[in-house]
Amino acid sequence: MHAKKADGALVISVADKNVLQYNYKTTYPPEGVNPFYKRSGFIHPLWSPQGAVLTNIQPKDHYHHYGIWNPWTKTSFEGDEIDFWNIAQRKGTVRFSDFINVVEGPVYGGFKALQNHVVYPDSAAEKTAMKEVWDVRVFNLPANAYLWEFTSTLNMATESPIVLEEYRYGGFGMRATDVWTNKNSKALTSEGKTRKDADGSKGRWAWINGDTDKGVAGVLFMSYPSNYNYPEPIRMWPEDANGGRGDVFFNFSPTKNKNWNLYPGKDYSLKYRLLVFEGEISTEKAEATWADFAVPPKVSIVKN
């Protein structure tokens, strides 16, 4: 597994195939678009094993969407309502700060990155409310699939607490390639929900897949049992999203139906595993892959 930096991005690859790219340099929106849509600290592209790009950034309908990212929408900090998701409002944003480490090796490759959740960015009132560590590990699989883990750990940057308030979306999400619409993509959750009824349901896992120029590919998202509000509420755009196009957006949103209070001096972690696959995946395979993550075999060594 390899991890190489170039042009403001860190690319994780296996053999000669790219798996994902973490963008630590600030990415600006297209010319003529509000410059406050700028953002760093996100994953794009996410590639399929055959090399198709499965993520999308800065789509015209939502310029603040950035591939795979992890901001919070409705929060309360020091008496103000702060939105780290809708960044053009200038109430909040998330910025890459530094790498803690970058790892290469025969088992996995990845990185730990420090990110700052900043309130009132680029103003006299700017300050960091939360610090976040991303721990991303891509495992070396012999099969034609990519398996990787994402862990976000939040802690307060000041002596003030923060409330991640109940809201319909926020947290770990993915905006999929604009090739996927309601005509050529589909989804399923661990509870048997599809794009018709998945939004607002809870699930241990969910997958989405669709056509690409390199064949059908998809992503299985898996939630860890220790995550807040597990099994987690799901935000999934329905089939008629975006004026009927049915573009694909998926989000594990633990605050979709309840607040989450975060206090100074404590760490708060959310952990996910993703399987990027070609073709289709059966319910049995998805369930077994989630079980490998959530309830792995325990090994003990006993002296005979």
Protein backbone atom coordinates (compact mmCIF):
# COMPACT_ATOMS: atom_id res chain seq x y z
CA MET A 1 0.00 0.00 0.00
CA HIS A 2 1.31 3.42 -0.95
CA ALA A 3 0.54 6.96 0.25
CA LYS A 4 1.97 9.76 -1.87
CA LYS A 5 1.61 13.54 -1.59
CA ALA A 6 1.46 15.73 -4.69
CA ASP A 7 -0.18 19.05 -5.59
CA GLY A 8 -2.00 19.47 -2.29
CA ALA A 9 -3.41 15.96 -2.18
CA LEU A 10 -2.52 12.60 -0.65
CA VAL A 11 -3.31 9.59 -2.83
CA ILE A 12 -3.66 6.10 -1.35
CA SER A 13 -3.01 3.32 -3.83
CA VAL A 14 -2.47 -0.42 -4.02
CA ALA A 15 -0.05 -1.70 -6.66
CA ASP A 16 -0.71 0.64 -9.60
CA LYS A 17 -4.36 1.40 -8.74
CA ASN A 18 -5.53 4.54 -6.97
CA VAL A 19 -8.08 3.98 -4.19
CA LEU A 20 -8.82 7.43 -2.77
CA GLN A 21 -7.47 10.97 -2.62
CA TYR A 22 -7.47 13.19 0.47
CA ASN A 23 -7.33 16.89 -0.45
CA TYR A 24 -5.49 18.92 2.15
CA LYS A 25 -4.98 22.03 0.02
CA THR A 26 -7.91 24.45 -0.19
CA THR A 27 -10.08 23.82 -3.23
CA TYR A 28 -11.88 26.85 -4.64
CA PRO A 29 -15.20 26.83 -6.51
CA PRO A 30 -15.42 27.57 -10.24
CA GLU A 31 -14.93 31.13 -11.42
CA GLY A 32 -18.03 33.23 -10.90
CA VAL A 33 -19.22 31.19 -7.89
CA ASN A 34 -19.16 32.57 -4.34
CA PRO A 35 -15.53 32.06 -3.18
CA PHE A 36 -16.72 31.15 0.32
CA TYR A 37 -17.59 27.73 -1.07
CA LYS A 38 -13.86 26.96 -0.72
CA ARG A 39 -12.98 23.93 1.36
CA SER A 40 -10.10 21.63 2.37
CA GLY A 41 -10.02 18.30 4.18
CA PHE A 42 -12.17 15.98 2.07
CA ILE A 43 -11.91 12.80 -0.01
CA HIS A 44 -12.27 12.98 -3.80
CA PRO A 45 -11.93 11.10 -5.99
CA LEU A 46 -12.96 7.75 -4.59
CA TRP A 47 -12.17 5.26 -7.32
CA SER A 48 -13.72 1.91 -8.12
CA PRO A 49 -11.37 -1.08 -8.55
CA GLN A 50 -11.71 -0.60 -12.33
CA GLY A 51 -10.82 3.08 -12.06
CA ALA A 52 -14.20 4.81 -12.29
CA VAL A 53 -14.64 7.96 -10.17
CA LEU A 54 -17.53 7.43 -7.73
CA THR A 55 -17.60 10.82 -5.97
CA ASN A 56 -18.46 14.35 -7.00
CA ILE A 57 -17.51 17.80 -5.67
CA GLN A 58 -19.01 21.26 -6.13
CA PRO A 59 -22.03 20.14 -8.19
CA LYS A 60 -24.02 23.09 -9.47
CA ASP A 61 -27.01 22.16 -7.33
CA HIS A 62 -24.94 22.01 -4.11
CA TYR A 63 -21.56 23.75 -4.42
CA HIS A 64 -20.82 22.90 -0.77
CA HIS A 65 -20.84 19.13 -1.41
CA TYR A 66 -17.31 17.71 -1.30
CA GLY A 67 -17.06 14.03 -2.18
CA ILE A 68 -16.76 12.27 1.16
CA TRP A 69 -16.71 14.70 4.06
CA ASN A 70 -17.84 15.04 7.68
CA PRO A 71 -19.22 18.48 8.70
CA TRP A 72 -22.13 19.23 11.05
CA THR A 73 -25.06 21.37 10.07
CA LYS A 74 -27.04 22.80 12.96
CA THR A 75 -24.88 23.36 16.05
CA SER A 76 -24.94 25.62 19.09
CA PHE A 77 -21.65 27.16 20.28
CA GLU A 78 -21.24 30.00 22.78
CA GLY A 79 -24.81 31.15 22.26
CA ASP A 80 -24.65 31.19 18.45
CA GLU A 81 -26.08 28.82 15.86
CA ILE A 82 -23.16 27.61 13.75
CA ASP A 83 -23.41 25.72 10.47
CA PHE A 84 -20.21 23.93 9.38
CA TRP A 85 -21.97 22.32 6.39
CA ASN A 86 -23.43 25.23 4.41
CA ILE A 87 -20.11 27.02 4.24
CA ALA A 88 -21.13 29.94 2.02
CA GLN A 89 -23.12 31.33 4.97
CA ARG A 90 -19.73 32.09 6.59
CA LYS A 91 -20.87 30.89 10.01
CA GLY A 92 -18.57 27.90 9.98
CA THR A 93 -16.21 25.77 7.93
CA VAL A 94 -13.72 22.90 8.31
CA ARG A 95 -10.05 23.28 7.43
CA PHE A 96 -7.14 20.89 7.17
CA SER A 97 -4.49 21.78 9.76
CA ASP A 98 -1.70 19.18 9.64
CA PHE A 99 -0.83 15.54 9.15
CA ILE A 100 -0.22 13.54 12.31
CA ASN A 101 1.17 10.63 10.30
CA VAL A 102 1.15 8.99 6.89
CA VAL A 103 1.48 5.20 6.69
CA GLU A 104 2.58 2.80 3.94
CA GLY A 105 3.00 -0.95 4.27
CA PRO A 106 2.00 -4.46 3.20
CA VAL A 107 -1.20 -4.56 5.31
CA TYR A 108 -2.64 -1.07 4.97
CA GLY A 109 -1.86 2.47 3.89
CA GLY A 110 -3.42 5.63 5.23
CA PHE A 111 -3.08 8.76 7.28
CA LYS A 112 -4.13 10.70 10.34
CA ALA A 113 -5.00 14.33 9.68
CA LEU A 114 -5.90 17.13 12.08
CA GLN A 115 -8.78 19.35 10.97
CA ASN A 116 -10.21 22.48 12.61
CA HIS A 117 -13.91 23.33 12.82
CA VAL A 118 -13.79 27.11 12.54
CA VAL A 119 -16.57 29.55 13.44
CA TYR A 120 -17.01 32.83 11.54
CA PRO A 121 -14.09 32.08 9.18
CA ASP A 122 -12.12 34.94 7.61
CA SER A 123 -13.55 37.49 10.05
CA ALA A 124 -12.43 39.26 13.23
CA ALA A 125 -14.56 36.81 15.22
CA GLU A 126 -12.85 33.69 13.79
CA LYS A 127 -11.95 30.95 16.27
CA THR A 128 -11.62 27.18 16.32
CA ALA A 129 -14.51 25.51 18.15
CA MET A 130 -13.58 21.84 17.62
CA LYS A 131 -10.55 19.86 16.59
CA GLU A 132 -11.04 16.68 14.62
CA VAL A 133 -8.70 13.81 13.77
CA TRP A 134 -9.39 11.77 10.67
CA ASP A 135 -7.90 8.27 10.80
CA VAL A 136 -8.18 6.68 7.35
CA ARG A 137 -6.85 3.18 6.65
CA VAL A 138 -7.05 1.38 3.32
CA PHE A 139 -6.47 -2.37 3.56
CA ASN A 140 -4.62 -4.53 1.08
CA LEU A 141 -7.22 -6.96 -0.25
CA PRO A 142 -6.49 -9.80 -2.68
CA ALA A 143 -10.00 -9.51 -4.18
CA ASN A 144 -11.24 -7.06 -6.80
CA ALA A 145 -12.54 -4.65 -4.15
CA TYR A 146 -11.28 -1.89 -1.86
CA LEU A 147 -11.85 -1.99 1.90
CA TRP A 148 -11.13 1.04 4.05
CA GLU A 149 -11.97 2.53 7.44
CA PHE A 150 -12.78 6.08 8.43
CA THR A 151 -12.69 7.24 12.06
CA SER A 152 -13.49 10.81 13.10
CA THR A 153 -12.55 11.89 16.63
CA LEU A 154 -13.82 15.26 17.86
CA ASN A 155 -12.79 17.26 20.91
CA MET A 156 -13.36 20.82 22.02
CA ALA A 157 -10.77 23.46 21.16
CA THR A 158 -11.97 25.83 23.92
CA GLU A 159 -13.54 25.52 27.36
CA SER A 160 -16.97 25.87 25.75
CA PRO A 161 -19.16 22.86 24.96
CA ILE A 162 -20.99 22.45 21.67
CA VAL A 163 -24.36 20.92 20.88
CA LEU A 164 -24.74 19.08 17.58
CA GLU A 165 -28.44 19.73 17.29
CA GLU A 166 -31.10 17.51 15.82
CA TYR A 167 -31.23 18.08 12.07
CA ARG A 168 -32.11 16.03 9.01
CA TYR A 169 -28.49 15.71 7.84
CA GLY A 170 -24.94 16.15 9.13
CA GLY A 171 -21.84 14.05 9.70
CA PHE A 172 -20.28 11.40 7.48
CA GLY A 173 -21.63 11.64 3.94
CA MET A 174 -20.92 11.04 0.28
CA ARG A 175 -22.08 12.90 -2.82
CA ALA A 176 -21.87 10.39 -5.62
CA THR A 177 -20.84 10.88 -9.22
CA ASP A 178 -23.26 12.89 -11.32
CA VAL A 179 -23.44 9.93 -13.69
CA TRP A 180 -25.72 8.21 -11.17
CA THR A 181 -29.41 9.12 -11.37
CA ASN A 182 -32.68 7.32 -10.67
CA LYS A 183 -32.32 5.71 -14.11
CA ASN A 184 -29.10 3.78 -13.48
CA SER A 185 -28.50 3.47 -9.72
CA LYS A 186 -30.07 1.80 -6.70
CA ALA A 187 -29.63 1.35 -2.97
CA LEU A 188 -30.45 -1.01 -0.12
CA THR A 189 -30.09 -0.82 3.68
CA SER A 190 -29.65 -3.53 6.31
CA GLU A 191 -33.36 -3.17 7.12
CA GLY A 192 -34.45 -3.74 3.52
CA LYS A 193 -35.10 -0.08 2.68
CA THR A 194 -34.48 1.32 -0.80
CA ARG A 195 -34.34 4.87 -2.13
CA LYS A 196 -38.13 4.93 -1.89
CA ASP A 197 -38.13 4.70 1.91
CA ALA A 198 -34.55 4.68 3.31
CA ASP A 199 -34.47 8.36 4.30
CA GLY A 200 -35.17 8.69 8.02
CA SER A 201 -34.80 4.97 8.68
CA LYS A 202 -32.04 3.43 10.79
CA GLY A 203 -29.48 0.94 9.59
CA ARG A 204 -26.29 -0.93 10.38
CA TRP A 205 -25.21 -0.80 6.76
CA ALA A 206 -26.34 0.49 3.39
CA TRP A 207 -25.07 0.18 -0.15
CA ILE A 208 -25.45 2.23 -3.30
CA ASN A 209 -24.36 1.27 -6.79
CA GLY A 210 -24.81 2.28 -10.39
CA ASP A 211 -23.49 2.34 -13.92
CA THR A 212 -20.12 3.87 -14.78
CA ASP A 213 -18.07 4.06 -17.96
CA LYS A 214 -16.14 1.07 -16.60
CA GLY A 215 -19.09 -1.08 -15.59
CA VAL A 216 -21.34 -1.26 -12.53
CA ALA A 217 -19.69 -0.31 -9.23
CA GLY A 218 -20.85 0.53 -5.73
CA VAL A 219 -20.06 1.36 -2.12
CA LEU A 220 -21.14 -0.49 1.03
CA PHE A 221 -21.23 1.83 4.07
CA MET A 222 -20.95 0.16 7.50
CA SER A 223 -21.56 1.73 10.91
CA TYR A 224 -19.78 0.60 14.09
CA PRO A 225 -21.87 -0.43 17.14
CA SER A 226 -20.15 2.06 19.49
CA ASN A 227 -21.21 5.03 17.33
CA TYR A 228 -23.55 7.57 18.86
CA ASN A 229 -27.26 6.80 18.30
CA TYR A 230 -26.49 3.39 16.77
CA PRO A 231 -28.01 1.95 14.64
CA GLU A 232 -27.64 5.29 12.95
CA PRO A 233 -30.33 7.28 11.17
CA ILE A 234 -29.84 7.51 7.42
CA ARG A 235 -30.18 10.52 5.16
CA MET A 236 -30.58 9.29 1.59
CA TRP A 237 -31.91 11.40 -1.24
CA PRO A 238 -35.09 9.84 -2.64
CA GLU A 239 -35.58 8.90 -6.27
CA ASP A 240 -37.13 12.27 -7.19
CA ALA A 241 -34.31 14.42 -5.73
CA ASN A 242 -32.91 17.39 -7.64
CA GLY A 243 -35.95 18.17 -9.71
CA GLY A 244 -36.57 14.54 -10.57
CA ARG A 245 -33.04 13.58 -11.68
CA GLY A 246 -32.54 11.41 -8.63
CA ASP A 247 -28.88 12.22 -7.96
CA VAL A 248 -27.29 10.10 -5.23
CA PHE A 249 -26.41 11.43 -1.78
CA PHE A 250 -25.89 9.22 1.29
CA ASN A 251 -25.29 10.24 4.90
CA PHE A 252 -25.07 8.40 8.23
CA SER A 253 -26.54 11.15 10.42
CA PRO A 254 -26.53 10.31 14.17
CA THR A 255 -28.12 13.68 14.99
CA LYS A 256 -30.99 13.28 12.54
CA ASN A 257 -33.44 12.63 15.37
CA LYS A 258 -31.68 13.75 18.59
CA ASN A 259 -29.10 16.20 19.92
CA TRP A 260 -25.51 15.23 20.73
CA ASN A 261 -23.85 17.22 23.53
CA LEU A 262 -20.05 17.49 23.35
CA TYR A 263 -18.05 18.72 26.35
CA PRO A 264 -14.45 19.91 26.86
CA GLY A 265 -11.92 17.34 27.97
CA LYS A 266 -13.59 14.40 26.22
CA ASP A 267 -13.10 12.68 22.87
CA TYR A 268 -16.05 11.69 20.69
CA SER A 269 -15.48 9.15 17.92
CA LEU A 270 -17.49 7.81 15.00
CA LYS A 271 -16.16 4.85 13.05
CA TYR A 272 -17.15 3.52 9.64
CA ARG A 273 -15.93 0.93 7.18
CA LEU A 274 -16.50 1.08 3.41
CA LEU A 275 -16.29 -1.67 0.82
CA VAL A 276 -15.93 -0.39 -2.75
CA PHE A 277 -17.01 -3.16 -5.08
CA GLU A 278 -17.65 -4.02 -8.72
CA GLY A 279 -21.03 -5.20 -9.95
CA GLU A 280 -23.63 -6.26 -7.40
CA ILE A 281 -23.47 -7.27 -3.75
CA SER A 282 -25.91 -9.67 -2.10
CA THR A 283 -27.60 -9.01 1.21
CA GLU A 284 -25.79 -12.02 2.65
CA LYS A 285 -22.40 -10.66 1.54
CA ALA A 286 -23.18 -7.19 2.89
CA GLU A 287 -24.28 -8.61 6.23
CA ALA A 288 -21.18 -10.82 6.52
CA THR A 289 -18.87 -7.92 5.61
CA TRP A 290 -20.50 -5.73 8.26
CA ALA A 291 -20.20 -8.54 10.85
CA ASP A 292 -16.46 -8.85 10.13
CA PHE A 293 -16.22 -5.17 11.07
CA ALA A 294 -18.67 -4.94 13.97
CA VAL A 295 -18.16 -8.31 15.70
CA PRO A 296 -14.75 -9.64 14.59
CA PRO A 297 -13.43 -12.98 15.89
CA LYS A 298 -11.60 -12.75 19.19
CA VAL A 299 -8.19 -14.39 19.42
CA SER A 300 -6.72 -15.61 22.70
CA ILE A 301 -3.41 -17.32 23.35
CA VAL A 302 -3.41 -19.97 26.08
CA LYS A 303 -0.29 -21.59 27.45
CA ASN A 304 -0.57 -25.37 27.12
